[in-house]
Structures are given as structure tokens and as C-alpha cells.
Amino acid sequence: MPSPIVLDSSAVLAVFFHESGAEVVDAILGGTLLGTVNLAEVHERMLSRGAQVEEAWSWIEGLGCEVCPFTERQARATAELRSITRPFGLSLGDRACLALALDRKATVYTTDKVWKNLSVGIQIEVIR
């Protein structure tokens, strides 16, 4: 059985903004996982770049991702990942994405090249 796939905010935004790597995400969208922290980040970024509230939210809902709540266990993992990821400049949202992937034993898709340098026990796919 293939590993579940967690999408980082950057991977979702690549699709919305028609950026490099979008075709990789388009091909795997059905059944992927998106954490609520990253959901908020995607929505905020879309709005800050001029999308209308309802248009942005409808687009997100139309992705077909399973939205995963941010759990207490993920909160702990997010905090504990700080020491490992600090040299790479990962944000709280980035670490929340990794925590979801760790929790679900999933592969993460991101546009952030620096993630390839991480050794956190999960597979990371950089889409560009």
C-alpha cells in the first residue's frame, strides 16, 4: 500500500498560482492530506495576493484533500522539531506539516528545496 501524501502549503499554492511544480501536485491531489495549520496558511496567502474570500475558500474545498485537524500529539511534535529544523529556517507551519506527515507516516510534497536536507524519518519530495 502506498504511503499517504501530505501537502505543504507551498505545494498547494504552486497549483493556485500556476507555478513550477504545479503539475506534480495536480497529478496526486485526490486523497492527499492537508493539515489545518497549512489550510489556514494557504487561505491567508491567497487572500493576501488578491483572491476573494469565497473564491479562495471554494477553490480550497474543491481540491479534494482530506483536511486533518492539528492534534495535541502534532503540537508536541511541531515544538520538538524546532531544534532539528532551526538551522534550515522552517516556520511553525512547516513544522506542523512535518508533524502531520510523521503522525501519518506519510510522504510530504513541498516546493522548499531546503527540506531535502532534513532527516526527520519521513520521505520528502521537492516538486521543483
C-alpha atoms as a PDB file:
ATOM      1  CA  MET A   1       0.000   0.000   0.000  1.00  0.00           C
ATOM      2  CA  PRO A   2       1.481   3.381  -0.964  1.00  0.00           C
ATOM      3  CA  SER A   3       2.363   5.930   1.671  1.00  0.00           C
ATOM      4  CA  PRO A   4      -0.186   8.709   2.282  1.00  0.00           C
ATOM      5  CA  ILE A   5       0.790  12.133   0.930  1.00  0.00           C
ATOM      6  CA  VAL A   6       0.782  15.352   2.953  1.00  0.00           C
ATOM      7  CA  LEU A   7       0.890  18.646   1.076  1.00  0.00           C
ATOM      8  CA  ASP A   8       2.879  21.565   2.381  1.00  0.00           C
ATOM      9  CA  SER A   9       1.295  24.994   1.873  1.00  0.00           C
ATOM     10  CA  SER A  10       3.856  25.803  -0.792  1.00  0.00           C
ATOM     11  CA  ALA A  11       2.785  22.813  -2.891  1.00  0.00           C
ATOM     12  CA  VAL A  12      -0.880  23.830  -2.766  1.00  0.00           C
ATOM     13  CA  LEU A  13      -0.034  27.445  -3.567  1.00  0.00           C
ATOM     14  CA  ALA A  14       2.048  26.338  -6.556  1.00  0.00           C
ATOM     15  CA  VAL A  15      -1.151  24.928  -8.039  1.00  0.00           C
ATOM     16  CA  PHE A  16      -3.250  28.018  -7.296  1.00  0.00           C
ATOM     17  CA  PHE A  17      -0.655  30.431  -8.674  1.00  0.00           C
ATOM     18  CA  HIS A  18       0.271  28.174 -11.657  1.00  0.00           C
ATOM     19  CA  GLU A  19       3.888  27.976 -10.545  1.00  0.00           C
ATOM     20  CA  SER A  20       6.575  25.475 -11.411  1.00  0.00           C
ATOM     21  CA  GLY A  21       5.807  22.052  -9.933  1.00  0.00           C
ATOM     22  CA  ALA A  22       2.030  22.551 -10.050  1.00  0.00           C
ATOM     23  CA  GLU A  23       1.653  19.670 -12.498  1.00  0.00           C
ATOM     24  CA  VAL A  24       3.197  17.271  -9.971  1.00  0.00           C
ATOM     25  CA  VAL A  25       0.646  18.242  -7.332  1.00  0.00           C
ATOM     26  CA  ASP A  26      -2.242  18.240  -9.827  1.00  0.00           C
ATOM     27  CA  ALA A  27      -1.460  14.620 -10.631  1.00  0.00           C
ATOM     28  CA  ILE A  28      -1.762  13.474  -6.980  1.00  0.00           C
ATOM     29  CA  LEU A  29      -4.438  15.756  -5.486  1.00  0.00           C
ATOM     30  CA  GLY A  30      -7.199  13.233  -4.885  1.00  0.00           C
ATOM     31  CA  GLY A  31      -6.842  11.741  -1.425  1.00  0.00           C
ATOM     32  CA  THR A  32      -3.901  13.841  -0.271  1.00  0.00           C
ATOM     33  CA  LEU A  33      -3.775  15.224   3.265  1.00  0.00           C
ATOM     34  CA  LEU A  34      -3.713  18.887   4.244  1.00  0.00           C
ATOM     35  CA  GLY A  35      -3.329  19.930   7.858  1.00  0.00           C
ATOM     36  CA  THR A  36      -5.486  22.695   9.299  1.00  0.00           C
ATOM     37  CA  VAL A  37      -2.444  24.855  10.069  1.00  0.00           C
ATOM     38  CA  ASN A  38      -1.412  24.683   6.418  1.00  0.00           C
ATOM     39  CA  LEU A  39      -5.018  25.176   5.340  1.00  0.00           C
ATOM     40  CA  ALA A  40      -5.045  28.484   7.211  1.00  0.00           C
ATOM     41  CA  GLU A  41      -1.710  29.445   5.687  1.00  0.00           C
ATOM     42  CA  VAL A  42      -2.907  28.671   2.140  1.00  0.00           C
ATOM     43  CA  HIS A  43      -6.125  30.655   2.613  1.00  0.00           C
ATOM     44  CA  GLU A  44      -4.282  33.631   4.122  1.00  0.00           C
ATOM     45  CA  ARG A  45      -1.685  33.680   1.341  1.00  0.00           C
ATOM     46  CA  MET A  46      -4.379  33.531  -1.345  1.00  0.00           C
ATOM     47  CA  LEU A  47      -6.221  36.454   0.241  1.00  0.00           C
ATOM     48  CA  SER A  48      -3.047  38.495   0.637  1.00  0.00           C
ATOM     49  CA  ARG A  49      -2.387  38.069  -3.094  1.00  0.00           C
ATOM     50  CA  GLY A  50      -5.820  39.376  -4.057  1.00  0.00           C
ATOM     51  CA  ALA A  51      -8.148  36.374  -4.150  1.00  0.00           C
ATOM     52  CA  GLN A  52     -11.691  36.985  -2.952  1.00  0.00           C
ATOM     53  CA  VAL A  53     -12.658  35.216   0.285  1.00  0.00           C
ATOM     54  CA  GLU A  54     -15.380  32.950  -1.113  1.00  0.00           C
ATOM     55  CA  GLU A  55     -13.486  32.238  -4.332  1.00  0.00           C
ATOM     56  CA  ALA A  56     -10.385  31.199  -2.380  1.00  0.00           C
ATOM     57  CA  TRP A  57     -12.284  29.003   0.068  1.00  0.00           C
ATOM     58  CA  SER A  58     -14.288  27.309  -2.704  1.00  0.00           C
ATOM     59  CA  TRP A  59     -11.085  26.599  -4.603  1.00  0.00           C
ATOM     60  CA  ILE A  60      -9.503  25.036  -1.497  1.00  0.00           C
ATOM     61  CA  GLU A  61     -12.584  22.891  -0.854  1.00  0.00           C
ATOM     62  CA  GLY A  62     -12.512  21.755  -4.474  1.00  0.00           C
ATOM     63  CA  LEU A  63      -9.016  20.293  -4.132  1.00  0.00           C
ATOM     64  CA  GLY A  64     -10.378  17.083  -2.670  1.00  0.00           C
ATOM     65  CA  CYS A  65      -7.806  16.942   0.117  1.00  0.00           C
ATOM     66  CA  GLU A  66      -8.607  15.299   3.407  1.00  0.00           C
ATOM     67  CA  VAL A  67      -8.325  18.122   5.931  1.00  0.00           C
ATOM     68  CA  CYS A  68      -6.622  16.892   9.102  1.00  0.00           C
ATOM     69  CA  PRO A  69      -7.080  18.676  12.433  1.00  0.00           C
ATOM     70  CA  PHE A  70      -3.991  19.813  14.325  1.00  0.00           C
ATOM     71  CA  THR A  71      -3.822  17.401  17.237  1.00  0.00           C
ATOM     72  CA  GLU A  72      -2.159  17.622  20.624  1.00  0.00           C
ATOM     73  CA  ARG A  73       0.353  14.993  19.503  1.00  0.00           C
ATOM     74  CA  GLN A  74       1.179  17.041  16.414  1.00  0.00           C
ATOM     75  CA  ALA A  75       1.528  20.179  18.557  1.00  0.00           C
ATOM     76  CA  ARG A  76       4.142  18.412  20.653  1.00  0.00           C
ATOM     77  CA  ALA A  77       5.996  17.118  17.575  1.00  0.00           C
ATOM     78  CA  THR A  78       5.884  20.593  15.985  1.00  0.00           C
ATOM     79  CA  ALA A  79       7.591  22.069  19.035  1.00  0.00           C
ATOM     80  CA  GLU A  80      10.127  19.253  19.280  1.00  0.00           C
ATOM     81  CA  LEU A  81      11.065  19.605  15.589  1.00  0.00           C
ATOM     82  CA  ARG A  82      12.278  23.147  16.279  1.00  0.00           C
ATOM     83  CA  SER A  83      15.765  22.107  17.317  1.00  0.00           C
ATOM     84  CA  ILE A  84      16.228  19.889  14.239  1.00  0.00           C
ATOM     85  CA  THR A  85      14.813  22.372  11.737  1.00  0.00           C
ATOM     86  CA  ARG A  86      16.114  25.636  13.163  1.00  0.00           C
ATOM     87  CA  PRO A  87      19.286  25.663  11.016  1.00  0.00           C
ATOM     88  CA  PHE A  88      17.052  25.415   7.922  1.00  0.00           C
ATOM     89  CA  GLY A  89      14.707  28.253   8.898  1.00  0.00           C
ATOM     90  CA  LEU A  90      11.459  26.265   8.943  1.00  0.00           C
ATOM     91  CA  SER A  91       8.378  28.085  10.184  1.00  0.00           C
ATOM     92  CA  LEU A  92       5.796  26.790  12.620  1.00  0.00           C
ATOM     93  CA  GLY A  93       3.556  25.959   9.630  1.00  0.00           C
ATOM     94  CA  ASP A  94       6.368  23.977   8.025  1.00  0.00           C
ATOM     95  CA  ARG A  95       6.929  22.031  11.221  1.00  0.00           C
ATOM     96  CA  ALA A  96       3.190  21.414  11.621  1.00  0.00           C
ATOM     97  CA  CYS A  97       3.197  19.922   8.120  1.00  0.00           C
ATOM     98  CA  LEU A  98       6.096  17.648   9.038  1.00  0.00           C
ATOM     99  CA  ALA A  99       4.375  16.673  12.293  1.00  0.00           C
ATOM    100  CA  LEU A 100       1.267  15.578  10.373  1.00  0.00           C
ATOM    101  CA  ALA A 101       3.426  13.552   7.990  1.00  0.00           C
ATOM    102  CA  LEU A 102       5.249  11.914  10.884  1.00  0.00           C
ATOM    103  CA  ASP A 103       1.938  11.141  12.590  1.00  0.00           C
ATOM    104  CA  ARG A 104       0.508   9.566   9.426  1.00  0.00           C
ATOM    105  CA  LYS A 105       3.800   8.005   8.229  1.00  0.00           C
ATOM    106  CA  ALA A 106       3.326   9.967   5.031  1.00  0.00           C
ATOM    107  CA  THR A 107       5.430  11.460   2.280  1.00  0.00           C
ATOM    108  CA  VAL A 108       5.489  15.267   2.173  1.00  0.00           C
ATOM    109  CA  TYR A 109       5.345  17.289  -1.043  1.00  0.00           C
ATOM    110  CA  THR A 110       6.808  20.806  -0.889  1.00  0.00           C
ATOM    111  CA  THR A 111       8.486  23.431  -3.055  1.00  0.00           C
ATOM    112  CA  ASP A 112      11.029  24.252  -0.335  1.00  0.00           C
ATOM    113  CA  LYS A 113      14.360  22.854  -1.532  1.00  0.00           C
ATOM    114  CA  VAL A 114      15.940  23.142   1.916  1.00  0.00           C
ATOM    115  CA  TRP A 115      13.636  20.362   3.163  1.00  0.00           C
ATOM    116  CA  LYS A 116      15.763  17.846   1.225  1.00  0.00           C
ATOM    117  CA  ASN A 117      18.448  18.451   3.879  1.00  0.00           C
ATOM    118  CA  LEU A 118      16.163  17.319   6.691  1.00  0.00           C
ATOM    119  CA  SER A 119      16.462  13.938   8.322  1.00  0.00           C
ATOM    120  CA  VAL A 120      13.239  13.515  10.276  1.00  0.00           C
ATOM    121  CA  GLY A 121      12.225   9.958   9.416  1.00  0.00           C
ATOM    122  CA  ILE A 122       9.828  10.586   6.512  1.00  0.00           C
ATOM    123  CA  GLN A 123      10.175  10.876   2.754  1.00  0.00           C
ATOM    124  CA  ILE A 124      10.210  14.442   1.388  1.00  0.00           C
ATOM    125  CA  GLU A 125       9.531  15.191  -2.272  1.00  0.00           C
ATOM    126  CA  VAL A 126      10.568  18.621  -3.558  1.00  0.00           C
ATOM    127  CA  ILE A 127       8.375  19.359  -6.583  1.00  0.00           C
ATOM    128  CA  ARG A 128      10.693  21.843  -8.310  1.00  0.00           C
END
